Protein backbone atom coordinates (compact mmCIF):
# COMPACT_ATOMS: atom_id res chain seq x y z
CA UNK A 1 -99.50 24.36 27.58
CA UNK A 2 -103.26 24.45 28.11
CA UNK A 3 -103.95 25.58 24.55
CA UNK A 4 -101.69 22.83 23.22
CA UNK A 5 -103.57 20.27 25.34
CA UNK A 6 -106.95 21.45 24.02
CA UNK A 7 -105.71 21.31 20.44
CA UNK A 8 -104.46 17.77 20.85
CA UNK A 9 -107.81 16.72 22.34
CA UNK A 10 -109.73 18.19 19.41
CA UNK A 11 -107.69 16.06 17.02
CA UNK A 12 -108.01 12.97 19.22
CA UNK A 13 -111.59 12.54 20.48
CA UNK A 14 -110.90 9.19 22.12
CA UNK A 15 -107.91 10.60 23.97
CA UNK A 16 -110.03 13.55 25.08
CA UNK A 17 -112.87 11.34 26.30
CA UNK A 18 -110.46 9.02 28.12
CA UNK A 19 -108.75 11.97 29.78
CA UNK A 20 -112.10 13.41 30.89
CA UNK A 21 -113.30 10.05 32.18
CA UNK A 22 -110.17 9.49 34.25
CA UNK A 23 -110.30 12.94 35.85
CA UNK A 24 -114.07 13.21 36.31
CA UNK A 25 -114.95 9.62 37.20
CA UNK A 26 -111.85 7.98 38.62
CA UNK A 27 -110.07 10.76 40.44
CA UNK A 28 -112.95 12.99 41.59
CA UNK A 29 -114.16 10.65 44.31
CA UNK A 30 -115.19 13.26 46.89
CA UNK A 31 -117.89 15.59 45.50
CA UNK A 32 -118.78 18.51 47.74
CA UNK A 33 -122.59 18.13 47.58
CA UNK A 34 -125.18 15.47 46.77
CA UNK A 35 -126.04 17.41 43.63
CA UNK A 36 -122.41 17.25 42.52
CA UNK A 37 -122.44 13.52 43.21
CA UNK A 38 -125.57 12.99 41.08
CA UNK A 39 -124.15 15.09 38.25
CA UNK A 40 -120.90 13.14 38.34
CA UNK A 41 -122.71 9.78 38.28
CA UNK A 42 -124.87 10.90 35.36
CA UNK A 43 -121.84 12.11 33.43
CA UNK A 44 -119.89 8.92 34.06
CA UNK A 45 -122.82 6.76 32.92
CA UNK A 46 -122.99 8.84 29.74
CA UNK A 47 -119.28 8.96 28.89
CA UNK A 48 -118.73 5.17 28.85
CA UNK A 49 -121.01 4.44 25.83
CA UNK A 50 -119.56 7.49 24.08
CA UNK A 51 -116.07 6.03 24.48
CA UNK A 52 -117.26 2.71 23.08
CA UNK A 53 -118.94 4.35 20.07
CA UNK A 54 -115.89 6.48 19.35
CA UNK A 55 -113.62 3.44 19.45
CA UNK A 56 -115.93 1.46 17.16
CA UNK A 57 -116.09 4.37 14.74
CA UNK A 58 -112.32 4.68 14.55
CA UNK A 59 -111.92 0.93 14.05
CA UNK A 60 -114.47 0.89 11.22
CA UNK A 61 -112.64 3.70 9.43
CA UNK A 62 -109.22 2.08 9.79
CA UNK A 63 -110.13 -1.58 9.23
CA UNK A 64 -110.34 -3.34 5.90
CA UNK A 65 -111.11 -6.93 5.00
CA UNK A 66 -110.29 -7.68 1.39
CA UNK A 67 -111.88 -10.05 -1.06
CA UNK A 68 -109.49 -12.35 -2.93
CA UNK A 69 -109.70 -10.68 -6.34
CA UNK A 70 -109.81 -7.20 -4.82
CA UNK A 71 -106.48 -7.75 -3.07
CA UNK A 72 -105.01 -9.39 -6.18
CA UNK A 73 -105.85 -6.29 -8.19
CA UNK A 74 -104.43 -3.93 -5.55
CA UNK A 75 -101.14 -5.83 -5.24
CA UNK A 76 -100.58 -6.14 -8.99
CA UNK A 77 -101.82 -2.74 -10.14
CA UNK A 78 -100.84 -0.51 -7.23
CA UNK A 79 -97.74 -2.26 -5.88
CA UNK A 80 -96.28 -3.96 -8.96
CA UNK A 81 -96.39 -7.51 -7.59
CA UNK A 82 -95.06 -10.07 -10.06
CA UNK A 83 -97.93 -12.14 -11.46
CA UNK A 84 -95.69 -15.21 -11.31
CA UNK A 85 -95.79 -15.19 -7.51
CA UNK A 86 -99.08 -13.43 -6.81
CA UNK A 87 -100.91 -16.72 -6.12
CA UNK A 88 -98.36 -17.46 -3.39
CA UNK A 89 -98.95 -14.07 -1.79
CA UNK A 90 -102.74 -14.38 -1.90
CA UNK A 91 -102.65 -17.93 -0.54
CA UNK A 92 -100.31 -16.79 2.22
CA UNK A 93 -102.53 -13.87 3.25
CA UNK A 94 -105.69 -15.97 3.15
CA UNK A 95 -104.23 -18.46 5.61
CA UNK A 96 -102.34 -15.97 7.80
CA UNK A 97 -104.79 -13.09 8.32
CA UNK A 98 -107.91 -14.18 6.40
CA UNK A 99 -107.46 -10.99 4.34
CA UNK A 100 -108.07 -8.83 7.44
CA UNK A 101 -105.79 -5.78 7.78
CA UNK A 102 -106.49 -5.40 11.52
CA UNK A 103 -105.75 -8.97 12.63
CA UNK A 104 -103.41 -9.29 15.62
CA UNK A 105 -102.41 -12.77 16.82
CA UNK A 106 -100.71 -13.51 20.15
CA UNK A 107 -97.93 -16.08 19.93
CA UNK A 108 -96.60 -18.46 22.57
CA UNK A 109 -93.25 -16.64 22.86
CA UNK A 110 -95.00 -13.45 24.06
CA UNK A 111 -94.70 -11.86 20.63
CA UNK A 112 -97.55 -10.91 18.30
CA UNK A 113 -98.23 -11.11 14.57
CA UNK A 114 -99.67 -7.96 13.02
CA UNK A 115 -101.78 -7.07 10.03
CA UNK A 116 -102.45 -8.47 6.59
CA UNK A 117 -99.13 -10.34 6.39
CA UNK A 118 -98.99 -11.23 10.11
CA UNK A 119 -95.55 -9.71 10.65
CA UNK A 120 -94.00 -10.74 13.96
CA UNK A 121 -93.04 -8.24 16.65
CA UNK A 122 -90.00 -10.22 17.75
CA UNK A 123 -87.85 -9.66 14.66
CA UNK A 124 -89.28 -7.27 12.10
CA UNK A 125 -91.08 -4.50 14.02
CA UNK A 126 -91.35 -3.08 17.55
CA UNK A 127 -94.46 -2.44 19.62
CA UNK A 128 -95.04 1.19 20.54
CA UNK A 129 -92.13 2.55 18.52
CA UNK A 130 -90.27 2.05 15.26
CA UNK A 131 -87.79 -0.79 15.33
CA UNK A 132 -86.98 -4.31 14.20
CA UNK A 133 -85.41 -5.22 10.89
CA UNK A 134 -88.10 -3.29 9.00
CA UNK A 135 -87.68 -0.27 11.32
CA UNK A 136 -91.43 0.00 11.70
CA UNK A 137 -93.99 0.24 14.50
CA UNK A 138 -95.98 -3.01 14.72
CA UNK A 139 -99.27 -1.24 15.39
CA UNK A 140 -98.96 0.54 12.03
CA UNK A 141 -99.44 -2.83 10.34
CA UNK A 142 -102.95 -3.24 11.78
CA UNK A 143 -104.82 -0.57 9.84
CA UNK A 144 -106.11 -0.17 6.28
CA UNK A 145 -102.89 1.41 4.95
CA UNK A 146 -101.05 -1.64 3.63
CA UNK A 147 -98.12 0.16 1.99
CA UNK A 148 -95.90 -0.25 5.07
CA UNK A 149 -97.02 -3.88 5.48
CA UNK A 150 -96.05 -4.57 1.88
CA UNK A 151 -92.63 -2.95 2.19
CA UNK A 152 -91.81 -5.09 5.23
CA UNK A 153 -93.34 -8.29 3.81
CA UNK A 154 -91.25 -7.95 0.67
CA UNK A 155 -88.11 -7.53 2.75
CA UNK A 156 -88.98 -10.66 4.71
CA UNK A 157 -89.71 -12.65 1.56
CA UNK A 158 -86.43 -11.57 -0.02
CA UNK A 159 -84.44 -12.60 3.07
CA UNK A 160 -86.26 -15.73 4.22
CA UNK A 161 -88.56 -16.74 1.39
CA UNK A 162 -92.23 -17.60 1.72
CA UNK A 163 -91.32 -20.26 4.28
CA UNK A 164 -91.16 -17.50 6.91
CA UNK A 165 -94.95 -17.70 7.04
CA UNK A 166 -96.31 -20.87 8.66
CA UNK A 167 -99.57 -20.46 6.77
CA UNK A 168 -97.75 -20.59 3.44
CA UNK A 169 -95.53 -23.49 4.51
CA UNK A 170 -98.51 -25.56 5.62
CA UNK A 171 -101.12 -24.71 3.00
CA UNK A 172 -99.43 -23.12 -0.02
CA UNK A 173 -96.09 -24.87 -0.55
CA UNK A 174 -97.71 -27.38 -2.90
CA UNK A 175 -98.43 -25.52 -6.18
CA UNK A 176 -101.62 -27.54 -6.58
CA UNK A 177 -103.03 -25.76 -3.52
CA UNK A 178 -102.52 -22.26 -4.92
CA UNK A 179 -105.61 -20.32 -6.06
CA UNK A 180 -106.10 -20.09 -9.82
CA UNK A 181 -106.19 -16.32 -10.08
CA UNK A 182 -105.83 -16.30 -13.85
CA UNK A 183 -109.33 -17.69 -14.11
CA UNK A 184 -111.03 -16.49 -10.93
CA UNK A 185 -109.68 -12.92 -10.99
CA UNK A 186 -108.88 -12.46 -14.70
CA UNK A 187 -105.22 -11.99 -13.81
CA UNK A 188 -104.08 -11.49 -17.40
CA UNK A 189 -106.00 -8.23 -17.64
CA UNK A 190 -104.15 -6.69 -14.67
CA UNK A 191 -101.05 -4.54 -15.04
CA UNK A 192 -99.26 -1.95 -12.86
CA UNK A 193 -100.84 1.50 -13.07
CA UNK A 194 -98.14 3.41 -11.15
CA UNK A 195 -94.52 3.24 -10.06
CA UNK A 196 -93.72 0.68 -7.34
CA UNK A 197 -91.92 3.51 -5.46
CA UNK A 198 -88.76 1.54 -4.88
CA UNK A 199 -90.46 -1.60 -3.61
CA UNK A 200 -88.81 -4.88 -4.44
CA UNK A 201 -90.64 -7.02 -6.96
CA UNK A 202 -92.94 -9.47 -5.19
């Protein structure tokens, strides 16, 4: 059991640091000597900034904020999004998440919207475990891997249409408000470079 615990800590530095902090700083409240007390205080003062730096480092690795044309290219070339509707998708994402893959928004009904497509935890995913109509963990939508976000967003769009997203309904319903990606992002030059892997056409 001990070897398994050490192995898991080596693969999860934040978990290791948190575990150490809890046991060394929060639970060890009765040091035997003054020297032990000073050592414990020094360690606890040192471990807090380390935890912060580790967390920031992980977030920087996993976060991604797209530019408009960059995301257009990714959706069309990597995920076979239909060019006919790509302006709707880009407009939707710009007004829902501001192109930020890590965005999490608290809603009034105690649910949250997650990730690039702001998928709601009430219906389409579950917090802390796989679930919802997409059978996915909500937290998995708030990192730089957008493949699971896309699979769920396409399911939502097929079932409920773009009107599911308030940002689209308010800002993108009028075709005159859609971004002109043909000009701005040279849309005509883009084409799928790999199989959509069973995804529905966007």
